């Protein structure tokens, strides 16, 4: 079995990969900004620990997502150059589960805080 030969992919695929990376970074930035907003501006409603936990969770989720998005950009670019199938990444389940957990925490904060 020989070594894989790298080929320059069609520039449109490279640009699409970059746009996908930037979309993940925008999502990460929105999560971080949302976490800061929750942490600083949401009334504690009698549960300051839950408010801080929601804010911290959003900031951590955004930070992890930003790091993973760079990794995904690199492995996708490499797969395109080697003519391999595109790899699956953990970003979609991470965002889905992370946002769901935060949404449940916010729901608890709102319902119990009344």
C-alpha atoms as a PDB file:
ATOM      1  CA  UNK A   1       0.000   0.000   0.000  1.00  0.00           C
ATOM      2  CA  UNK A   2       1.544   3.319  -1.072  1.00  0.00           C
ATOM      3  CA  UNK A   3       1.476   6.690   0.579  1.00  0.00           C
ATOM      4  CA  UNK A   4      -1.492   8.922  -0.102  1.00  0.00           C
ATOM      5  CA  UNK A   5      -0.771  11.661  -2.596  1.00  0.00           C
ATOM      6  CA  UNK A   6      -1.980  15.134  -1.762  1.00  0.00           C
ATOM      7  CA  UNK A   7      -3.777  17.077  -4.476  1.00  0.00           C
ATOM      8  CA  UNK A   8      -4.899  20.671  -4.391  1.00  0.00           C
ATOM      9  CA  UNK A   9      -8.714  20.533  -4.059  1.00  0.00           C
ATOM     10  CA  UNK A  10     -10.983  22.681  -6.167  1.00  0.00           C
ATOM     11  CA  UNK A  11     -10.746  26.165  -4.658  1.00  0.00           C
ATOM     12  CA  UNK A  12     -14.537  26.265  -4.211  1.00  0.00           C
ATOM     13  CA  UNK A  13     -14.328  23.374  -1.735  1.00  0.00           C
ATOM     14  CA  UNK A  14     -11.531  25.096   0.169  1.00  0.00           C
ATOM     15  CA  UNK A  15     -13.565  28.303   0.331  1.00  0.00           C
ATOM     16  CA  UNK A  16     -16.662  26.367   1.450  1.00  0.00           C
ATOM     17  CA  UNK A  17     -14.574  24.742   4.184  1.00  0.00           C
ATOM     18  CA  UNK A  18     -13.414  28.195   5.317  1.00  0.00           C
ATOM     19  CA  UNK A  19     -17.012  29.492   5.362  1.00  0.00           C
ATOM     20  CA  UNK A  20     -18.050  26.515   7.477  1.00  0.00           C
ATOM     21  CA  UNK A  21     -15.178  27.219   9.872  1.00  0.00           C
ATOM     22  CA  UNK A  22     -16.238  30.857  10.152  1.00  0.00           C
ATOM     23  CA  UNK A  23     -19.855  29.821  10.802  1.00  0.00           C
ATOM     24  CA  UNK A  24     -18.695  27.643  13.709  1.00  0.00           C
ATOM     25  CA  UNK A  25     -16.583  30.527  15.035  1.00  0.00           C
ATOM     26  CA  UNK A  26     -19.597  32.887  14.836  1.00  0.00           C
ATOM     27  CA  UNK A  27     -21.658  30.336  16.749  1.00  0.00           C
ATOM     28  CA  UNK A  28     -18.905  30.038  19.370  1.00  0.00           C
ATOM     29  CA  UNK A  29     -18.691  33.824  19.686  1.00  0.00           C
ATOM     30  CA  UNK A  30     -22.471  34.060  20.116  1.00  0.00           C
ATOM     31  CA  UNK A  31     -22.349  31.435  22.879  1.00  0.00           C
ATOM     32  CA  UNK A  32     -19.573  33.315  24.683  1.00  0.00           C
ATOM     33  CA  UNK A  33     -21.424  36.632  24.345  1.00  0.00           C
ATOM     34  CA  UNK A  34     -24.630  35.004  25.578  1.00  0.00           C
ATOM     35  CA  UNK A  35     -22.791  33.549  28.553  1.00  0.00           C
ATOM     36  CA  UNK A  36     -21.346  36.925  29.486  1.00  0.00           C
ATOM     37  CA  UNK A  37     -24.773  38.546  29.120  1.00  0.00           C
ATOM     38  CA  UNK A  38     -26.436  35.914  31.323  1.00  0.00           C
ATOM     39  CA  UNK A  39     -23.700  36.110  33.916  1.00  0.00           C
ATOM     40  CA  UNK A  40     -23.696  39.914  34.098  1.00  0.00           C
ATOM     41  CA  UNK A  41     -27.229  41.067  33.303  1.00  0.00           C
ATOM     42  CA  UNK A  42     -29.763  38.329  34.085  1.00  0.00           C
ATOM     43  CA  UNK A  43     -31.410  38.891  37.480  1.00  0.00           C
ATOM     44  CA  UNK A  44     -30.542  36.058  39.872  1.00  0.00           C
ATOM     45  CA  UNK A  45     -34.249  35.442  40.707  1.00  0.00           C
ATOM     46  CA  UNK A  46     -33.158  33.943  44.016  1.00  0.00           C
ATOM     47  CA  UNK A  47     -30.798  31.417  42.388  1.00  0.00           C
ATOM     48  CA  UNK A  48     -27.461  33.223  41.801  1.00  0.00           C
ATOM     49  CA  UNK A  49     -25.553  29.926  41.558  1.00  0.00           C
ATOM     50  CA  UNK A  50     -27.772  28.716  38.704  1.00  0.00           C
ATOM     51  CA  UNK A  51     -27.393  32.040  36.865  1.00  0.00           C
ATOM     52  CA  UNK A  52     -23.598  31.872  37.197  1.00  0.00           C
ATOM     53  CA  UNK A  53     -23.622  28.216  36.136  1.00  0.00           C
ATOM     54  CA  UNK A  54     -25.594  29.033  32.983  1.00  0.00           C
ATOM     55  CA  UNK A  55     -23.231  31.877  32.115  1.00  0.00           C
ATOM     56  CA  UNK A  56     -20.127  29.783  32.724  1.00  0.00           C
ATOM     57  CA  UNK A  57     -21.569  26.835  30.767  1.00  0.00           C
ATOM     58  CA  UNK A  58     -22.221  29.050  27.735  1.00  0.00           C
ATOM     59  CA  UNK A  59     -18.734  30.573  27.840  1.00  0.00           C
ATOM     60  CA  UNK A  60     -17.100  27.138  28.187  1.00  0.00           C
ATOM     61  CA  UNK A  61     -19.279  25.712  25.400  1.00  0.00           C
ATOM     62  CA  UNK A  62     -18.284  28.594  23.104  1.00  0.00           C
ATOM     63  CA  UNK A  63     -14.608  28.210  23.962  1.00  0.00           C
ATOM     64  CA  UNK A  64     -14.603  24.461  23.295  1.00  0.00           C
ATOM     65  CA  UNK A  65     -16.551  24.951  20.062  1.00  0.00           C
ATOM     66  CA  UNK A  66     -14.027  27.518  18.796  1.00  0.00           C
ATOM     67  CA  UNK A  67     -11.159  25.090  19.396  1.00  0.00           C
ATOM     68  CA  UNK A  68     -12.983  22.172  17.810  1.00  0.00           C
ATOM     69  CA  UNK A  69     -13.895  24.225  14.755  1.00  0.00           C
ATOM     70  CA  UNK A  70     -10.232  24.860  13.950  1.00  0.00           C
ATOM     71  CA  UNK A  71      -9.491  21.158  14.304  1.00  0.00           C
ATOM     72  CA  UNK A  72     -12.415  20.305  12.023  1.00  0.00           C
ATOM     73  CA  UNK A  73     -11.237  22.804   9.400  1.00  0.00           C
ATOM     74  CA  UNK A  74      -7.765  21.201   9.381  1.00  0.00           C
ATOM     75  CA  UNK A  75      -8.928  17.563   9.173  1.00  0.00           C
ATOM     76  CA  UNK A  76     -11.516  18.418   6.509  1.00  0.00           C
ATOM     77  CA  UNK A  77      -8.918  20.238   4.425  1.00  0.00           C
ATOM     78  CA  UNK A  78      -6.530  17.293   4.756  1.00  0.00           C
ATOM     79  CA  UNK A  79      -9.252  14.794   3.776  1.00  0.00           C
ATOM     80  CA  UNK A  80     -10.063  16.846   0.671  1.00  0.00           C
ATOM     81  CA  UNK A  81      -6.379  16.963  -0.298  1.00  0.00           C
ATOM     82  CA  UNK A  82      -6.034  13.190   0.114  1.00  0.00           C
ATOM     83  CA  UNK A  83      -9.319  12.340  -1.589  1.00  0.00           C
ATOM     84  CA  UNK A  84     -10.655  10.713   1.577  1.00  0.00           C
ATOM     85  CA  UNK A  85     -14.205  10.818   2.964  1.00  0.00           C
ATOM     86  CA  UNK A  86     -14.916  13.894   5.034  1.00  0.00           C
ATOM     87  CA  UNK A  87     -14.642  13.171   8.754  1.00  0.00           C
ATOM     88  CA  UNK A  88     -17.498  13.628  11.174  1.00  0.00           C
ATOM     89  CA  UNK A  89     -16.889  16.056  13.993  1.00  0.00           C
ATOM     90  CA  UNK A  90     -18.264  16.405  17.511  1.00  0.00           C
ATOM     91  CA  UNK A  91     -19.530  19.965  17.023  1.00  0.00           C
ATOM     92  CA  UNK A  92     -23.148  19.215  16.101  1.00  0.00           C
ATOM     93  CA  UNK A  93     -23.889  16.913  19.049  1.00  0.00           C
ATOM     94  CA  UNK A  94     -21.905  19.176  21.386  1.00  0.00           C
ATOM     95  CA  UNK A  95     -23.922  22.247  20.452  1.00  0.00           C
ATOM     96  CA  UNK A  96     -27.222  20.336  20.481  1.00  0.00           C
ATOM     97  CA  UNK A  97     -26.652  18.795  23.910  1.00  0.00           C
ATOM     98  CA  UNK A  98     -24.987  21.894  25.378  1.00  0.00           C
ATOM     99  CA  UNK A  99     -27.717  24.286  24.307  1.00  0.00           C
ATOM    100  CA  UNK A 100     -30.406  21.814  25.434  1.00  0.00           C
ATOM    101  CA  UNK A 101     -28.863  21.542  28.903  1.00  0.00           C
ATOM    102  CA  UNK A 102     -28.579  25.318  29.178  1.00  0.00           C
ATOM    103  CA  UNK A 103     -32.183  25.734  27.981  1.00  0.00           C
ATOM    104  CA  UNK A 104     -33.420  23.344  30.690  1.00  0.00           C
ATOM    105  CA  UNK A 105     -31.403  25.269  33.306  1.00  0.00           C
ATOM    106  CA  UNK A 106     -32.915  28.554  32.096  1.00  0.00           C
ATOM    107  CA  UNK A 107     -36.390  27.012  32.234  1.00  0.00           C
ATOM    108  CA  UNK A 108     -35.769  25.890  35.813  1.00  0.00           C
ATOM    109  CA  UNK A 109     -34.490  29.360  36.707  1.00  0.00           C
ATOM    110  CA  UNK A 110     -37.559  31.047  35.222  1.00  0.00           C
ATOM    111  CA  UNK A 111     -40.176  28.615  36.583  1.00  0.00           C
ATOM    112  CA  UNK A 112     -38.696  28.265  40.075  1.00  0.00           C
ATOM    113  CA  UNK A 113     -37.776  31.947  40.259  1.00  0.00           C
ATOM    114  CA  UNK A 114     -41.425  33.046  39.970  1.00  0.00           C
END
